[in-house]
C-alpha atoms as a PDB file:
ATOM      1  CA  MET A   1     -68.528  51.955 -37.377  1.00  0.00           C
ATOM      2  CA  LYS A   2     -69.757  53.754 -40.496  1.00  0.00           C
ATOM      3  CA  LYS A   3     -67.073  55.935 -41.999  1.00  0.00           C
ATOM      4  CA  PHE A   4     -67.701  59.384 -43.399  1.00  0.00           C
ATOM      5  CA  SER A   5     -65.698  62.241 -44.835  1.00  0.00           C
ATOM      6  CA  ILE A   6     -65.621  65.651 -43.226  1.00  0.00           C
ATOM      7  CA  LEU A   7     -64.213  68.195 -45.630  1.00  0.00           C
ATOM      8  CA  LEU A   8     -63.761  71.125 -43.304  1.00  0.00           C
ATOM      9  CA  VAL A   9     -61.079  73.715 -42.723  1.00  0.00           C
ATOM     10  CA  GLY A  10     -60.185  74.956 -39.246  1.00  0.00           C
ATOM     11  CA  LEU A  11     -62.579  73.177 -36.894  1.00  0.00           C
ATOM     12  CA  MET A  12     -61.288  74.911 -33.782  1.00  0.00           C
ATOM     13  CA  LEU A  13     -63.592  77.922 -34.283  1.00  0.00           C
ATOM     14  CA  LEU A  14     -67.132  78.160 -35.611  1.00  0.00           C
ATOM     15  CA  SER A  15     -66.266  81.381 -37.381  1.00  0.00           C
ATOM     16  CA  VAL A  16     -63.955  79.744 -39.928  1.00  0.00           C
ATOM     17  CA  PHE A  17     -65.252  78.872 -43.367  1.00  0.00           C
ATOM     18  CA  LEU A  18     -65.628  75.437 -44.894  1.00  0.00           C
ATOM     19  CA  SER A  19     -63.855  74.431 -48.070  1.00  0.00           C
ATOM     20  CA  ALA A  20     -65.896  75.522 -51.069  1.00  0.00           C
ATOM     21  CA  VAL A  21     -67.768  72.988 -53.165  1.00  0.00           C
ATOM     22  CA  GLU A  22     -68.356  75.098 -56.263  1.00  0.00           C
ATOM     23  CA  SER A  23     -68.190  78.741 -57.199  1.00  0.00           C
ATOM     24  CA  GLU A  24     -72.001  78.885 -57.514  1.00  0.00           C
ATOM     25  CA  PRO A  25     -74.234  79.455 -55.726  1.00  0.00           C
ATOM     26  CA  SER A  26     -72.244  81.757 -53.470  1.00  0.00           C
ATOM     27  CA  ALA A  27     -74.330  80.894 -50.382  1.00  0.00           C
ATOM     28  CA  ILE A  28     -72.910  77.363 -50.395  1.00  0.00           C
ATOM     29  CA  VAL A  29     -69.715  77.374 -48.372  1.00  0.00           C
ATOM     30  CA  GLY A  30     -69.004  73.717 -47.764  1.00  0.00           C
ATOM     31  CA  TYR A  31     -70.181  70.167 -47.326  1.00  0.00           C
ATOM     32  CA  VAL A  32     -69.935  67.050 -45.199  1.00  0.00           C
ATOM     33  CA  ALA A  33     -70.143  63.644 -46.905  1.00  0.00           C
ATOM     34  CA  TYR A  34     -71.404  60.549 -45.078  1.00  0.00           C
ATOM     35  CA  GLU A  35     -70.488  57.141 -46.501  1.00  0.00           C
ATOM     36  CA  CYS A  36     -73.752  55.174 -46.629  1.00  0.00           C
ATOM     37  CA  GLN A  37     -73.754  51.384 -46.778  1.00  0.00           C
ATOM     38  CA  THR A  38     -76.222  48.599 -47.380  1.00  0.00           C
ATOM     39  CA  GLY A  39     -76.689  46.143 -44.528  1.00  0.00           C
ATOM     40  CA  GLU A  40     -77.323  42.483 -43.880  1.00  0.00           C
ATOM     41  CA  ARG A  41     -81.039  42.886 -43.117  1.00  0.00           C
ATOM     42  CA  ALA A  42     -81.817  46.515 -44.030  1.00  0.00           C
ATOM     43  CA  ASN A  43     -80.128  49.630 -45.408  1.00  0.00           C
ATOM     44  CA  ASN A  44     -80.389  52.167 -42.584  1.00  0.00           C
ATOM     45  CA  ASN A  45     -77.636  54.740 -42.163  1.00  0.00           C
ATOM     46  CA  PHE A  46     -77.091  57.281 -39.381  1.00  0.00           C
ATOM     47  CA  ILE A  47     -76.364  60.794 -40.653  1.00  0.00           C
ATOM     48  CA  ALA A  48     -76.434  64.354 -39.356  1.00  0.00           C
ATOM     49  CA  MET A  49     -77.105  67.760 -40.898  1.00  0.00           C
ATOM     50  CA  PRO A  50     -74.027  69.685 -39.704  1.00  0.00           C
ATOM     51  CA  LEU A  51     -74.660  72.670 -41.971  1.00  0.00           C
ATOM     52  CA  GLN A  52     -77.639  74.873 -42.745  1.00  0.00           C
ATOM     53  CA  SER A  53     -78.910  73.128 -45.877  1.00  0.00           C
ATOM     54  CA  GLU A  54     -81.785  74.107 -48.136  1.00  0.00           C
ATOM     55  CA  TYR A  55     -84.014  71.404 -46.654  1.00  0.00           C
ATOM     56  CA  THR A  56     -86.364  72.316 -43.831  1.00  0.00           C
ATOM     57  CA  ARG A  57     -88.781  69.343 -44.040  1.00  0.00           C
ATOM     58  CA  ALA A  58     -88.270  65.593 -44.367  1.00  0.00           C
ATOM     59  CA  LYS A  59     -90.259  65.438 -47.601  1.00  0.00           C
ATOM     60  CA  GLU A  60     -88.046  68.094 -49.196  1.00  0.00           C
ATOM     61  CA  LEU A  61     -84.990  66.000 -48.375  1.00  0.00           C
ATOM     62  CA  GLY A  62     -86.666  62.853 -49.657  1.00  0.00           C
ATOM     63  CA  LEU A  63     -87.712  64.435 -52.938  1.00  0.00           C
ATOM     64  CA  ALA A  64     -84.195  65.755 -53.536  1.00  0.00           C
ATOM     65  CA  TYR A  65     -82.667  62.288 -53.007  1.00  0.00           C
ATOM     66  CA  GLU A  66     -85.560  60.200 -54.340  1.00  0.00           C
ATOM     67  CA  GLU A  67     -83.288  58.030 -56.501  1.00  0.00           C
ATOM     68  CA  LYS A  68     -81.006  57.228 -53.540  1.00  0.00           C
ATOM     69  CA  ILE A  69     -83.165  57.337 -50.375  1.00  0.00           C
ATOM     70  CA  ASN A  70     -86.541  55.759 -49.618  1.00  0.00           C
ATOM     71  CA  VAL A  71     -86.936  56.502 -45.897  1.00  0.00           C
ATOM     72  CA  VAL A  72     -86.057  59.530 -43.761  1.00  0.00           C
ATOM     73  CA  SER A  73     -86.598  59.031 -40.016  1.00  0.00           C
ATOM     74  CA  ASN A  74     -86.423  61.206 -36.918  1.00  0.00           C
ATOM     75  CA  TRP A  75     -86.069  59.981 -33.318  1.00  0.00           C
ATOM     76  CA  LEU A  76     -88.626  61.141 -30.738  1.00  0.00           C
ATOM     77  CA  PRO A  77     -86.993  60.972 -27.296  1.00  0.00           C
ATOM     78  CA  GLU A  78     -90.301  61.574 -25.500  1.00  0.00           C
ATOM     79  CA  SER A  79     -91.885  58.364 -26.814  1.00  0.00           C
ATOM     80  CA  GLN A  80     -88.601  56.596 -27.700  1.00  0.00           C
ATOM     81  CA  ALA A  81     -90.011  55.948 -31.164  1.00  0.00           C
ATOM     82  CA  TRP A  82     -89.519  56.957 -34.793  1.00  0.00           C
ATOM     83  CA  GLU A  83     -91.426  59.292 -37.054  1.00  0.00           C
ATOM     84  CA  SER A  84     -90.768  58.716 -40.748  1.00  0.00           C
ATOM     85  CA  GLN A  85     -91.286  59.827 -44.324  1.00  0.00           C
ATOM     86  CA  LEU A  86     -91.418  56.818 -46.686  1.00  0.00           C
ATOM     87  CA  PHE A  87     -91.332  56.564 -50.472  1.00  0.00           C
ATOM     88  CA  ASP A  88     -93.578  53.842 -51.940  1.00  0.00           C
ATOM     89  CA  GLY A  89     -92.287  54.209 -55.480  1.00  0.00           C
ATOM     90  CA  ASP A  90     -94.799  56.900 -56.397  1.00  0.00           C
ATOM     91  CA  PHE A  91     -95.371  59.165 -53.394  1.00  0.00           C
ATOM     92  CA  TRP A  92     -93.754  60.236 -50.130  1.00  0.00           C
ATOM     93  CA  MET A  93     -96.007  59.535 -47.178  1.00  0.00           C
ATOM     94  CA  GLY A  94     -95.945  59.518 -43.389  1.00  0.00           C
ATOM     95  CA  THR A  95     -94.938  62.316 -41.031  1.00  0.00           C
ATOM     96  CA  ASP A  96     -93.338  65.332 -42.704  1.00  0.00           C
ATOM     97  CA  PHE A  97     -91.195  66.456 -39.775  1.00  0.00           C
ATOM     98  CA  ASP A  98     -88.868  69.460 -39.541  1.00  0.00           C
ATOM     99  CA  ILE A  99     -85.177  69.161 -40.469  1.00  0.00           C
ATOM    100  CA  TYR A 100     -82.732  71.145 -38.317  1.00  0.00           C
ATOM    101  CA  ALA A 101     -79.053  71.960 -38.725  1.00  0.00           C
ATOM    102  CA  GLY A 102     -76.931  70.103 -36.202  1.00  0.00           C
ATOM    103  CA  HIS A 103     -79.418  67.268 -35.679  1.00  0.00           C
ATOM    104  CA  ALA A 104     -79.089  63.563 -36.478  1.00  0.00           C
ATOM    105  CA  TYR A 105     -81.412  61.413 -38.602  1.00  0.00           C
ATOM    106  CA  MET A 106     -81.667  57.880 -39.958  1.00  0.00           C
ATOM    107  CA  ILE A 107     -82.046  57.280 -43.677  1.00  0.00           C
ATOM    108  CA  SER A 108     -82.551  54.119 -45.726  1.00  0.00           C
ATOM    109  CA  VAL A 109     -80.653  53.927 -49.024  1.00  0.00           C
ATOM    110  CA  TYR A 110     -81.086  51.868 -52.183  1.00  0.00           C
ATOM    111  CA  GLU A 111     -77.360  51.253 -52.621  1.00  0.00           C
ATOM    112  CA  GLU A 112     -73.994  52.219 -51.195  1.00  0.00           C
ATOM    113  CA  GLY A 113     -72.871  55.783 -51.820  1.00  0.00           C
ATOM    114  CA  ARG A 114     -72.375  59.179 -50.242  1.00  0.00           C
ATOM    115  CA  PHE A 115     -74.954  61.434 -48.660  1.00  0.00           C
ATOM    116  CA  TYR A 116     -73.958  65.094 -48.798  1.00  0.00           C
ATOM    117  CA  CYS A 117     -75.016  67.812 -46.394  1.00  0.00           C
ATOM    118  CA  VAL A 118     -74.278  71.008 -48.305  1.00  0.00           C
ATOM    119  CA  GLY A 119     -74.767  74.500 -46.919  1.00  0.00           C
ATOM    120  CA  GLU A 120     -73.571  77.300 -44.687  1.00  0.00           C
ATOM    121  CA  LEU A 121     -71.757  77.079 -41.394  1.00  0.00           C
ATOM    122  CA  VAL A 122     -74.096  77.914 -38.510  1.00  0.00           C
ATOM    123  CA  GLU A 123     -73.869  78.078 -34.758  1.00  0.00           C
ATOM    124  CA  GLN A 124     -74.318  74.566 -33.451  1.00  0.00           C
ATOM    125  CA  PRO A 125     -77.512  73.946 -31.464  1.00  0.00           C
ATOM    126  CA  GLN A 126     -78.049  73.125 -27.831  1.00  0.00           C
ATOM    127  CA  TYR A 127     -79.648  69.726 -27.334  1.00  0.00           C
ATOM    128  CA  ASP A 128     -82.550  69.429 -24.925  1.00  0.00           C
ATOM    129  CA  LEU A 129     -81.775  65.975 -23.521  1.00  0.00           C
ATOM    130  CA  ILE A 130     -84.814  64.375 -21.898  1.00  0.00           C
ATOM    131  CA  LEU A 131     -85.953  61.191 -20.200  1.00  0.00           C
ATOM    132  CA  GLY A 132     -88.352  59.213 -22.361  1.00  0.00           C
ATOM    133  CA  SER A 133     -91.449  57.197 -21.561  1.00  0.00           C
ATOM    134  CA  THR A 134     -89.752  53.794 -21.887  1.00  0.00           C
ATOM    135  CA  SER A 135     -86.027  54.575 -22.096  1.00  0.00           C
ATOM    136  CA  ASP A 136     -83.724  57.589 -22.142  1.00  0.00           C
ATOM    137  CA  ASN A 137     -82.047  57.666 -25.568  1.00  0.00           C
ATOM    138  CA  ASN A 138     -81.394  60.974 -27.326  1.00  0.00           C
ATOM    139  CA  PHE A 139     -79.776  61.797 -30.683  1.00  0.00           C
ATOM    140  CA  ILE A 140     -77.002  64.379 -30.908  1.00  0.00           C
ATOM    141  CA  MET A 141     -74.062  65.263 -33.159  1.00  0.00           C
ATOM    142  CA  VAL A 142     -70.480  65.942 -32.113  1.00  0.00           C
ATOM    143  CA  PRO A 143     -70.245  69.749 -32.591  1.00  0.00           C
ATOM    144  CA  LEU A 144     -68.076  71.055 -35.406  1.00  0.00           C
ATOM    145  CA  ASN A 145     -65.991  73.096 -32.954  1.00  0.00           C
ATOM    146  CA  ARG A 146     -65.209  70.158 -30.615  1.00  0.00           C
ATOM    147  CA  PRO A 147     -62.517  67.971 -32.226  1.00  0.00           C
ATOM    148  CA  ASP A 148     -61.357  67.191 -28.689  1.00  0.00           C
ATOM    149  CA  LEU A 149     -64.400  64.932 -28.202  1.00  0.00           C
ATOM    150  CA  ASP A 150     -62.610  62.121 -30.011  1.00  0.00           C
ATOM    151  CA  LYS A 151     -63.765  59.081 -28.012  1.00  0.00           C
ATOM    152  CA  ALA A 152     -67.163  57.811 -26.861  1.00  0.00           C
ATOM    153  CA  SER A 153     -66.082  57.948 -23.213  1.00  0.00           C
ATOM    154  CA  VAL A 154     -64.724  61.493 -23.631  1.00  0.00           C
ATOM    155  CA  LEU A 155     -68.081  62.637 -25.001  1.00  0.00           C
ATOM    156  CA  GLY A 156     -69.910  60.882 -22.179  1.00  0.00           C
ATOM    157  CA  GLU A 157     -67.720  62.493 -19.541  1.00  0.00           C
ATOM    158  CA  GLU A 158     -68.125  65.907 -21.175  1.00  0.00           C
ATOM    159  CA  ILE A 159     -71.930  65.796 -21.050  1.00  0.00           C
ATOM    160  CA  GLY A 160     -71.824  64.360 -17.542  1.00  0.00           C
ATOM    161  CA  VAL A 161     -75.194  62.588 -17.279  1.00  0.00           C
ATOM    162  CA  VAL A 162     -74.543  59.904 -19.914  1.00  0.00           C
ATOM    163  CA  ASN A 163     -74.626  56.183 -19.200  1.00  0.00           C
ATOM    164  CA  ALA A 164     -74.296  54.962 -22.811  1.00  0.00           C
ATOM    165  CA  VAL A 165     -72.867  56.249 -26.088  1.00  0.00           C
ATOM    166  CA  ASN A 166     -73.905  54.458 -29.277  1.00  0.00           C
ATOM    167  CA  THR A 167     -72.904  54.672 -32.921  1.00  0.00           C
ATOM    168  CA  TRP A 168     -74.574  52.873 -35.824  1.00  0.00           C
ATOM    169  CA  ALA A 169     -72.898  50.023 -37.716  1.00  0.00           C
ATOM    170  CA  ALA A 170     -74.688  50.069 -41.067  1.00  0.00           C
ATOM    171  CA  THR A 171     -73.330  46.793 -42.412  1.00  0.00           C
ATOM    172  CA  ALA A 172     -74.544  44.892 -39.335  1.00  0.00           C
ATOM    173  CA  GLN A 173     -77.614  47.117 -38.863  1.00  0.00           C
ATOM    174  CA  ALA A 174     -76.842  47.310 -35.150  1.00  0.00           C
ATOM    175  CA  TRP A 175     -75.488  49.705 -32.529  1.00  0.00           C
ATOM    176  CA  ASN A 176     -71.912  49.758 -31.255  1.00  0.00           C
ATOM    177  CA  SER A 177     -72.036  50.827 -27.615  1.00  0.00           C
ATOM    178  CA  THR A 178     -69.945  52.118 -24.743  1.00  0.00           C
ATOM    179  CA  PHE A 179     -71.502  51.918 -21.261  1.00  0.00           C
ATOM    180  CA  TYR A 180     -70.645  53.698 -18.032  1.00  0.00           C
ATOM    181  CA  ASP A 181     -70.382  51.491 -14.929  1.00  0.00           C
ATOM    182  CA  GLU A 182     -71.137  53.868 -12.053  1.00  0.00           C
ATOM    183  CA  LEU A 183     -70.050  51.433  -9.332  1.00  0.00           C
ATOM    184  CA  GLU A 184     -66.628  50.826 -10.880  1.00  0.00           C
ATOM    185  CA  ASP A 185     -66.375  54.312 -12.417  1.00  0.00           C
ATOM    186  CA  VAL A 186     -65.267  52.885 -15.768  1.00  0.00           C
ATOM    187  CA  TRP A 187     -66.518  52.821 -19.349  1.00  0.00           C
ATOM    188  CA  LEU A 188     -67.168  49.338 -20.701  1.00  0.00           C
ATOM    189  CA  GLY A 189     -67.598  48.010 -24.226  1.00  0.00           C
ATOM    190  CA  GLU A 190     -66.047  49.444 -27.357  1.00  0.00           C
ATOM    191  CA  ASP A 191     -64.701  52.916 -26.634  1.00  0.00           C
ATOM    192  CA  PHE A 192     -64.958  53.868 -30.293  1.00  0.00           C
ATOM    193  CA  SER A 193     -63.430  56.908 -31.933  1.00  0.00           C
ATOM    194  CA  LEU A 194     -65.460  60.009 -32.772  1.00  0.00           C
ATOM    195  CA  THR A 195     -64.873  63.020 -34.946  1.00  0.00           C
ATOM    196  CA  THR A 196     -66.751  66.246 -35.507  1.00  0.00           C
ATOM    197  CA  ALA A 197     -70.150  65.803 -37.202  1.00  0.00           C
ATOM    198  CA  THR A 198     -70.461  62.205 -35.967  1.00  0.00           C
ATOM    199  CA  PRO A 199     -74.110  61.412 -35.133  1.00  0.00           C
ATOM    200  CA  VAL A 200     -74.523  59.421 -31.918  1.00  0.00           C
ATOM    201  CA  MET A 201     -77.298  58.109 -29.699  1.00  0.00           C
ATOM    202  CA  ILE A 202     -76.730  58.665 -25.995  1.00  0.00           C
ATOM    203  CA  GLY A 203     -78.528  57.317 -22.954  1.00  0.00           C
ATOM    204  CA  ILE A 204     -78.888  59.789 -20.095  1.00  0.00           C
ATOM    205  CA  THR A 205     -79.681  59.600 -16.395  1.00  0.00           C
ATOM    206  CA  THR A 206     -80.862  63.178 -15.788  1.00  0.00           C
ATOM    207  CA  PRO A 207     -82.485  65.758 -18.097  1.00  0.00           C
ATOM    208  CA  THR A 208     -80.104  68.489 -19.164  1.00  0.00           C
ATOM    209  CA  VAL A 209     -79.212  70.913 -21.940  1.00  0.00           C
ATOM    210  CA  TRP A 210     -75.932  70.433 -23.779  1.00  0.00           C
ATOM    211  CA  PRO A 211     -73.682  72.187 -24.633  1.00  0.00           C
ATOM    212  CA  LYS A 212     -74.126  74.530 -21.690  1.00  0.00           C
ATOM    213  CA  ASP A 213     -74.233  78.289 -22.216  1.00  0.00           C
END
């Protein structure tokens, strides 16, 4: 499982502040650093945007990291397909989708290194989990105020309509998965560890909104 650093202070409450990066600008209150790796067949890495960064569009993010990133992709649960911004060496092209705090994305990197999400602490979003046209996978992030969701099975049980929890292994360019066996009422596969700000792909059985109000 891809490792990343979460440099936060006091995750039990959303109202606490993150550790400061620099004294300027004052609006920046913290950061989360994801360790990105190159893989055997490609260089895709699963990240999230835990904080309210300055980027609101995929192209803005791509331009800011042009020397490190050449693809920024978003998952569309309705069609179970990707939309992407790609850099061809001269221009960014493709779909310039919105970037939201608290959401997960896939990026392709040129070389190993850290991706930083820098910004202000915001209220974590609710995820509108839906059934897709060909499958039922949705992207979410473990909320910053839920350090108790420390295992794939714990997250699955918390949401309640989950039949699979997946995390990305960048070096193998493949998913690590935990599956729920309804007949035996057990979780099978690798019950991997989670921490706050971990991006995951979940399979669901029923549409829902999570976290609940």
